[in-house]
Amino acid sequence: MQGRFWRSSEAGGGAAEPAIAPDALDRLRELAGDDSGEFLVDLFEEFFTTSRDLVDEITANQRGADFDALRKSSHTLKGAALNLGANVLAAICKEGEVAAKEARDPGGAWVARIEDEFARVRREFDADVKARLGA
């Protein structure tokens, strides 16, 4: 039931981890209370707006080999993603955060993975989560 709802359409034949973890959404709904739908939709929309800027910063920081700024922007996006249950996005950010801390370039392919996963989170939110929240 719920597992089918949350299954990514991009599984490629097997079950993929959802872009937005259902347990995180349940936790957010519990914290927000009875009228959580509209609040959580607004929260996710704010995440998409501010995180788009962070993804752009990450791209610029990686291209410019600014490891300190890359570590900070990756860490910030990781935290925001974790708060909303975008665990795969957070894990990808952590890879870059660790690389930057070690003064290593995580590479352009890593940035592309962030872009792809950020887009997957957005698609899953628009296609599934938003309706589930009643918005």
N, C-alpha and C. Protein backbone atom coordinates (compact mmCIF):
# COMPACT_ATOMS: atom_id res chain seq x y z
N MET A 1 0.83 -1.18 0.00
CA MET A 1 0.00 0.00 0.00
C MET A 1 0.88 1.24 0.00
N GLN A 2 1.40 1.61 1.15
CA GLN A 2 2.24 2.80 1.20
C GLN A 2 3.54 2.58 0.42
N GLY A 3 4.10 1.35 0.47
CA GLY A 3 5.32 1.07 -0.26
C GLY A 3 5.15 1.28 -1.76
N ARG A 4 3.98 0.88 -2.28
CA ARG A 4 3.73 1.08 -3.70
C ARG A 4 3.66 2.56 -4.02
N PHE A 5 3.03 3.32 -3.14
CA PHE A 5 2.90 4.76 -3.32
C PHE A 5 4.26 5.43 -3.40
N TRP A 6 5.18 5.02 -2.57
CA TRP A 6 6.47 5.69 -2.45
C TRP A 6 7.53 5.14 -3.40
N ARG A 7 7.25 4.04 -4.06
CA ARG A 7 8.26 3.44 -4.93
C ARG A 7 8.62 4.39 -6.06
N SER A 8 9.87 4.54 -6.31
CA SER A 8 10.31 5.41 -7.39
C SER A 8 10.01 4.78 -8.74
N SER A 9 9.54 5.60 -9.65
CA SER A 9 9.30 5.11 -11.01
C SER A 9 10.61 4.92 -11.75
N GLU A 10 11.69 5.34 -11.16
CA GLU A 10 12.99 5.22 -11.80
C GLU A 10 13.77 4.03 -11.28
N ALA A 11 13.07 3.05 -10.77
CA ALA A 11 13.72 1.91 -10.15
C ALA A 11 14.47 1.05 -11.17
N GLY A 12 14.09 1.12 -12.42
CA GLY A 12 14.81 0.36 -13.43
C GLY A 12 14.68 -1.14 -13.24
N GLY A 13 13.51 -1.59 -12.85
CA GLY A 13 13.30 -3.02 -12.69
C GLY A 13 13.33 -3.48 -11.25
N GLY A 14 14.06 -2.79 -10.38
CA GLY A 14 14.12 -3.15 -8.97
C GLY A 14 13.60 -2.00 -8.14
N ALA A 15 13.44 -2.27 -6.88
CA ALA A 15 12.95 -1.22 -5.98
C ALA A 15 14.07 -0.24 -5.68
N ALA A 16 13.81 1.02 -5.88
CA ALA A 16 14.78 2.06 -5.56
C ALA A 16 14.36 2.74 -4.28
N GLU A 17 15.32 3.29 -3.59
CA GLU A 17 14.98 4.06 -2.39
C GLU A 17 14.19 5.28 -2.84
N PRO A 18 13.11 5.59 -2.14
CA PRO A 18 12.31 6.75 -2.55
C PRO A 18 13.12 8.03 -2.41
N ALA A 19 12.78 9.00 -3.21
CA ALA A 19 13.45 10.30 -3.14
C ALA A 19 13.12 11.00 -1.82
N ILE A 20 11.92 10.77 -1.31
CA ILE A 20 11.48 11.34 -0.03
C ILE A 20 11.02 10.18 0.85
N ALA A 21 11.72 9.96 1.94
CA ALA A 21 11.44 8.82 2.81
C ALA A 21 10.07 8.98 3.48
N PRO A 22 9.22 7.96 3.38
CA PRO A 22 7.89 8.06 3.97
C PRO A 22 7.91 8.25 5.48
N ASP A 23 8.87 7.66 6.17
CA ASP A 23 8.91 7.82 7.62
C ASP A 23 9.24 9.27 8.00
N ALA A 24 10.03 9.94 7.20
CA ALA A 24 10.35 11.34 7.47
C ALA A 24 9.12 12.22 7.27
N LEU A 25 8.35 11.92 6.24
CA LEU A 25 7.13 12.68 6.00
C LEU A 25 6.13 12.46 7.13
N ASP A 26 6.02 11.21 7.60
CA ASP A 26 5.15 10.92 8.74
C ASP A 26 5.59 11.70 9.98
N ARG A 27 6.91 11.75 10.20
CA ARG A 27 7.46 12.49 11.35
C ARG A 27 7.13 13.98 11.23
N LEU A 28 7.28 14.53 10.04
CA LEU A 28 6.98 15.95 9.83
C LEU A 28 5.49 16.23 10.05
N ARG A 29 4.66 15.34 9.59
CA ARG A 29 3.21 15.52 9.78
C ARG A 29 2.85 15.48 11.26
N GLU A 30 3.50 14.59 11.99
CA GLU A 30 3.24 14.49 13.43
C GLU A 30 3.68 15.77 14.14
N LEU A 31 4.83 16.28 13.78
CA LEU A 31 5.33 17.51 14.40
C LEU A 31 4.47 18.73 14.06
N ALA A 32 3.97 18.76 12.82
CA ALA A 32 3.21 19.92 12.36
C ALA A 32 1.77 19.93 12.87
N GLY A 33 1.25 18.78 13.26
CA GLY A 33 -0.10 18.73 13.79
C GLY A 33 -1.16 18.49 12.74
N ASP A 34 -2.40 18.71 13.14
CA ASP A 34 -3.56 18.38 12.31
C ASP A 34 -3.60 19.12 10.98
N ASP A 35 -3.24 20.36 10.97
CA ASP A 35 -3.30 21.18 9.75
C ASP A 35 -1.95 21.20 9.04
N SER A 36 -1.31 20.05 8.95
CA SER A 36 0.06 19.98 8.46
C SER A 36 0.18 20.07 6.94
N GLY A 37 -0.87 19.73 6.19
CA GLY A 37 -0.75 19.64 4.74
C GLY A 37 -0.22 20.89 4.09
N GLU A 38 -0.90 22.00 4.28
CA GLU A 38 -0.49 23.25 3.65
C GLU A 38 0.88 23.70 4.15
N PHE A 39 1.10 23.56 5.46
CA PHE A 39 2.39 23.94 6.05
C PHE A 39 3.53 23.16 5.41
N LEU A 40 3.36 21.84 5.27
CA LEU A 40 4.42 21.01 4.72
C LEU A 40 4.64 21.27 3.24
N VAL A 41 3.58 21.56 2.52
CA VAL A 41 3.75 21.93 1.10
C VAL A 41 4.59 23.21 1.03
N ASP A 42 4.27 24.19 1.85
CA ASP A 42 5.06 25.43 1.88
C ASP A 42 6.51 25.17 2.27
N LEU A 43 6.70 24.27 3.24
CA LEU A 43 8.05 23.93 3.69
C LEU A 43 8.86 23.31 2.55
N PHE A 44 8.26 22.38 1.83
CA PHE A 44 8.95 21.77 0.69
C PHE A 44 9.22 22.79 -0.41
N GLU A 45 8.26 23.66 -0.68
CA GLU A 45 8.47 24.68 -1.72
C GLU A 45 9.64 25.60 -1.35
N GLU A 46 9.72 25.96 -0.09
CA GLU A 46 10.85 26.78 0.38
C GLU A 46 12.17 26.01 0.22
N PHE A 47 12.14 24.73 0.55
CA PHE A 47 13.31 23.88 0.36
C PHE A 47 13.76 23.90 -1.10
N PHE A 48 12.82 23.75 -2.03
CA PHE A 48 13.19 23.72 -3.45
C PHE A 48 13.79 25.06 -3.89
N THR A 49 13.26 26.15 -3.39
CA THR A 49 13.77 27.47 -3.76
C THR A 49 15.18 27.69 -3.22
N THR A 50 15.36 27.50 -1.93
CA THR A 50 16.66 27.77 -1.32
C THR A 50 17.70 26.73 -1.74
N SER A 51 17.26 25.50 -1.90
CA SER A 51 18.20 24.44 -2.27
C SER A 51 18.66 24.57 -3.72
N ARG A 52 17.81 25.13 -4.59
CA ARG A 52 18.24 25.37 -5.96
C ARG A 52 19.47 26.30 -5.94
N ASP A 53 19.42 27.32 -5.08
CA ASP A 53 20.56 28.22 -4.94
C ASP A 53 21.79 27.47 -4.42
N LEU A 54 21.58 26.56 -3.47
CA LEU A 54 22.70 25.78 -2.94
C LEU A 54 23.30 24.86 -4.00
N VAL A 55 22.47 24.25 -4.81
CA VAL A 55 22.98 23.40 -5.89
C VAL A 55 23.83 24.23 -6.85
N ASP A 56 23.38 25.43 -7.14
CA ASP A 56 24.17 26.33 -8.01
C ASP A 56 25.49 26.70 -7.35
N GLU A 57 25.46 26.96 -6.05
CA GLU A 57 26.71 27.25 -5.31
C GLU A 57 27.66 26.06 -5.34
N ILE A 58 27.11 24.89 -5.11
CA ILE A 58 27.93 23.67 -5.13
C ILE A 58 28.61 23.52 -6.48
N THR A 59 27.88 23.75 -7.54
CA THR A 59 28.44 23.65 -8.89
C THR A 59 29.58 24.64 -9.07
N ALA A 60 29.35 25.88 -8.67
CA ALA A 60 30.39 26.92 -8.80
C ALA A 60 31.60 26.60 -7.92
N ASN A 61 31.35 26.14 -6.71
CA ASN A 61 32.45 25.83 -5.78
C ASN A 61 33.28 24.65 -6.28
N GLN A 62 32.63 23.66 -6.87
CA GLN A 62 33.36 22.52 -7.40
C GLN A 62 34.19 22.93 -8.60
N ARG A 63 33.60 23.71 -9.48
CA ARG A 63 34.35 24.17 -10.67
C ARG A 63 35.52 25.06 -10.30
N GLY A 64 35.33 25.87 -9.25
CA GLY A 64 36.39 26.78 -8.82
C GLY A 64 37.37 26.17 -7.84
N ALA A 65 37.17 24.91 -7.51
CA ALA A 65 38.03 24.19 -6.55
C ALA A 65 38.12 24.94 -5.23
N ASP A 66 37.04 25.56 -4.82
CA ASP A 66 36.96 26.24 -3.51
C ASP A 66 36.44 25.21 -2.51
N PHE A 67 37.38 24.45 -1.95
CA PHE A 67 37.00 23.32 -1.11
C PHE A 67 36.31 23.72 0.18
N ASP A 68 36.71 24.83 0.77
CA ASP A 68 36.05 25.26 2.01
C ASP A 68 34.59 25.63 1.73
N ALA A 69 34.37 26.41 0.68
CA ALA A 69 33.00 26.79 0.31
C ALA A 69 32.19 25.56 -0.13
N LEU A 70 32.83 24.63 -0.82
CA LEU A 70 32.16 23.41 -1.26
C LEU A 70 31.74 22.57 -0.06
N ARG A 71 32.60 22.47 0.92
CA ARG A 71 32.27 21.73 2.14
C ARG A 71 31.06 22.35 2.82
N LYS A 72 31.06 23.66 2.93
CA LYS A 72 29.96 24.36 3.61
C LYS A 72 28.65 24.24 2.84
N SER A 73 28.69 24.46 1.55
CA SER A 73 27.44 24.38 0.78
C SER A 73 26.92 22.95 0.72
N SER A 74 27.80 21.98 0.63
CA SER A 74 27.38 20.57 0.64
C SER A 74 26.78 20.20 1.99
N HIS A 75 27.40 20.67 3.05
CA HIS A 75 26.90 20.41 4.40
C HIS A 75 25.52 21.03 4.61
N THR A 76 25.33 22.24 4.13
CA THR A 76 24.05 22.93 4.29
C THR A 76 22.95 22.21 3.52
N LEU A 77 23.21 21.82 2.28
CA LEU A 77 22.22 21.10 1.50
C LEU A 77 21.94 19.73 2.11
N LYS A 78 22.97 19.08 2.61
CA LYS A 78 22.80 17.78 3.27
C LYS A 78 21.82 17.90 4.44
N GLY A 79 22.01 18.91 5.28
CA GLY A 79 21.14 19.10 6.43
C GLY A 79 19.70 19.39 6.04
N ALA A 80 19.52 20.24 5.06
CA ALA A 80 18.16 20.56 4.60
C ALA A 80 17.49 19.33 4.02
N ALA A 81 18.23 18.56 3.25
CA ALA A 81 17.67 17.35 2.65
C ALA A 81 17.29 16.33 3.72
N LEU A 82 18.15 16.16 4.71
CA LEU A 82 17.84 15.21 5.79
C LEU A 82 16.59 15.62 6.55
N ASN A 83 16.43 16.89 6.79
CA ASN A 83 15.26 17.37 7.53
C ASN A 83 13.95 17.02 6.83
N LEU A 84 13.97 16.94 5.50
CA LEU A 84 12.75 16.64 4.75
C LEU A 84 12.69 15.20 4.25
N GLY A 85 13.66 14.40 4.63
CA GLY A 85 13.63 13.00 4.26
C GLY A 85 14.18 12.70 2.88
N ALA A 86 14.90 13.63 2.28
CA ALA A 86 15.54 13.39 0.99
C ALA A 86 16.91 12.76 1.26
N ASN A 87 16.87 11.51 1.73
CA ASN A 87 18.06 10.84 2.25
C ASN A 87 19.10 10.51 1.19
N VAL A 88 18.66 10.18 -0.01
CA VAL A 88 19.62 9.89 -1.08
C VAL A 88 20.37 11.17 -1.44
N LEU A 89 19.65 12.27 -1.56
CA LEU A 89 20.29 13.56 -1.85
C LEU A 89 21.28 13.90 -0.74
N ALA A 90 20.90 13.69 0.50
CA ALA A 90 21.79 13.98 1.62
C ALA A 90 23.05 13.12 1.57
N ALA A 91 22.91 11.86 1.21
CA ALA A 91 24.07 10.97 1.13
C ALA A 91 25.04 11.42 0.03
N ILE A 92 24.49 11.86 -1.08
CA ILE A 92 25.35 12.36 -2.17
C ILE A 92 26.08 13.61 -1.71
N CYS A 93 25.39 14.50 -1.02
CA CYS A 93 26.01 15.72 -0.50
C CYS A 93 27.14 15.38 0.47
N LYS A 94 26.92 14.37 1.31
CA LYS A 94 27.94 13.98 2.27
C LYS A 94 29.22 13.53 1.57
N GLU A 95 29.09 12.84 0.44
CA GLU A 95 30.27 12.43 -0.32
C GLU A 95 31.11 13.65 -0.69
N GLY A 96 30.45 14.69 -1.19
CA GLY A 96 31.17 15.91 -1.56
C GLY A 96 31.73 16.65 -0.37
N GLU A 97 30.96 16.66 0.72
CA GLU A 97 31.43 17.31 1.95
C GLU A 97 32.72 16.66 2.44
N VAL A 98 32.76 15.33 2.45
CA VAL A 98 33.95 14.60 2.89
C VAL A 98 35.12 14.86 1.94
N ALA A 99 34.86 14.80 0.65
CA ALA A 99 35.93 15.06 -0.33
C ALA A 99 36.49 16.45 -0.15
N ALA A 100 35.62 17.44 0.00
CA ALA A 100 36.08 18.82 0.16
C ALA A 100 36.87 19.00 1.44
N LYS A 101 36.44 18.33 2.49
CA LYS A 101 37.17 18.40 3.77
C LYS A 101 38.59 17.86 3.60
N GLU A 102 38.75 16.88 2.72
CA GLU A 102 40.06 16.28 2.43
C GLU A 102 40.77 17.00 1.29
N ALA A 103 40.22 18.15 0.86
CA ALA A 103 40.77 18.94 -0.25
C ALA A 103 40.86 18.12 -1.54
N ARG A 104 39.83 17.29 -1.77
CA ARG A 104 39.73 16.51 -3.00
C ARG A 104 38.53 17.01 -3.79
N ASP A 105 38.69 17.02 -5.09
CA ASP A 105 37.60 17.41 -5.98
C ASP A 105 36.68 16.21 -6.17
N PRO A 106 35.41 16.32 -5.78
CA PRO A 106 34.50 15.19 -5.98
C PRO A 106 34.14 14.98 -7.45
N GLY A 107 34.40 15.95 -8.29
CA GLY A 107 34.23 15.80 -9.73
C GLY A 107 32.89 16.24 -10.27
N GLY A 108 32.88 16.49 -11.55
CA GLY A 108 31.68 16.93 -12.23
C GLY A 108 30.58 15.88 -12.24
N ALA A 109 30.94 14.60 -12.25
CA ALA A 109 29.93 13.54 -12.21
C ALA A 109 29.18 13.58 -10.88
N TRP A 110 29.85 13.93 -9.81
CA TRP A 110 29.21 14.06 -8.50
C TRP A 110 28.19 15.20 -8.53
N VAL A 111 28.56 16.33 -9.13
CA VAL A 111 27.63 17.45 -9.25
C VAL A 111 26.41 17.03 -10.07
N ALA A 112 26.63 16.28 -11.13
CA ALA A 112 25.51 15.81 -11.96
C ALA A 112 24.59 14.90 -11.14
N ARG A 113 25.14 14.10 -10.26
CA ARG A 113 24.32 13.24 -9.40
C ARG A 113 23.46 14.09 -8.46
N ILE A 114 24.01 15.17 -7.94
CA ILE A 114 23.23 16.07 -7.09
C ILE A 114 22.08 16.67 -7.91
N GLU A 115 22.39 17.16 -9.08
CA GLU A 115 21.36 17.74 -9.96
C GLU A 115 20.26 16.72 -10.24
N ASP A 116 20.66 15.51 -10.59
CA ASP A 116 19.68 14.46 -10.92
C ASP A 116 18.81 14.11 -9.72
N GLU A 117 19.42 13.96 -8.56
CA GLU A 117 18.65 13.58 -7.37
C GLU A 117 17.77 14.73 -6.90
N PHE A 118 18.25 15.95 -7.00
CA PHE A 118 17.43 17.10 -6.64
C PHE A 118 16.18 17.13 -7.53
N ALA A 119 16.36 16.87 -8.82
CA ALA A 119 15.23 16.83 -9.75
C ALA A 119 14.29 15.67 -9.42
N ARG A 120 14.84 14.54 -9.00
CA ARG A 120 14.00 13.39 -8.63
C ARG A 120 13.17 13.70 -7.39
N VAL A 121 13.76 14.39 -6.42
CA VAL A 121 13.02 14.79 -5.22
C VAL A 121 11.86 15.69 -5.64
N ARG A 122 12.13 16.64 -6.51
CA ARG A 122 11.08 17.56 -6.97
C ARG A 122 9.96 16.80 -7.68
N ARG A 123 10.34 15.89 -8.58
CA ARG A 123 9.33 15.12 -9.32
C ARG A 123 8.48 14.28 -8.38
N GLU A 124 9.11 13.62 -7.42
CA GLU A 124 8.36 12.79 -6.49
C GLU A 124 7.43 13.64 -5.63
N PHE A 125 7.91 14.79 -5.22
CA PHE A 125 7.06 15.68 -4.44
C PHE A 125 5.84 16.09 -5.27
N ASP A 126 6.07 16.56 -6.48
CA ASP A 126 4.97 17.03 -7.33
C ASP A 126 4.00 15.91 -7.70
N ALA A 127 4.52 14.74 -7.98
CA ALA A 127 3.69 13.64 -8.45
C ALA A 127 2.97 12.88 -7.35
N ASP A 128 3.58 12.77 -6.18
CA ASP A 128 3.04 11.89 -5.15
C ASP A 128 2.80 12.59 -3.81
N VAL A 129 3.81 13.23 -3.29
CA VAL A 129 3.75 13.76 -1.93
C VAL A 129 2.75 14.89 -1.80
N LYS A 130 2.76 15.80 -2.74
CA LYS A 130 1.85 16.94 -2.69
C LYS A 130 0.39 16.48 -2.60
N ALA A 131 0.01 15.52 -3.40
CA ALA A 131 -1.36 14.99 -3.36
C ALA A 131 -1.63 14.31 -2.03
N ARG A 132 -0.67 13.60 -1.52
CA ARG A 132 -0.83 12.92 -0.24
C ARG A 132 -1.06 13.91 0.89
N LEU A 133 -0.45 15.07 0.78
CA LEU A 133 -0.61 16.11 1.81
C LEU A 133 -1.93 16.85 1.65
N GLY A 134 -2.63 16.57 0.57
CA GLY A 134 -3.93 17.20 0.36
C GLY A 134 -3.85 18.58 -0.25
N ALA A 135 -2.75 18.85 -0.93
CA ALA A 135 -2.59 20.18 -1.55
C ALA A 135 -2.75 20.10 -3.04
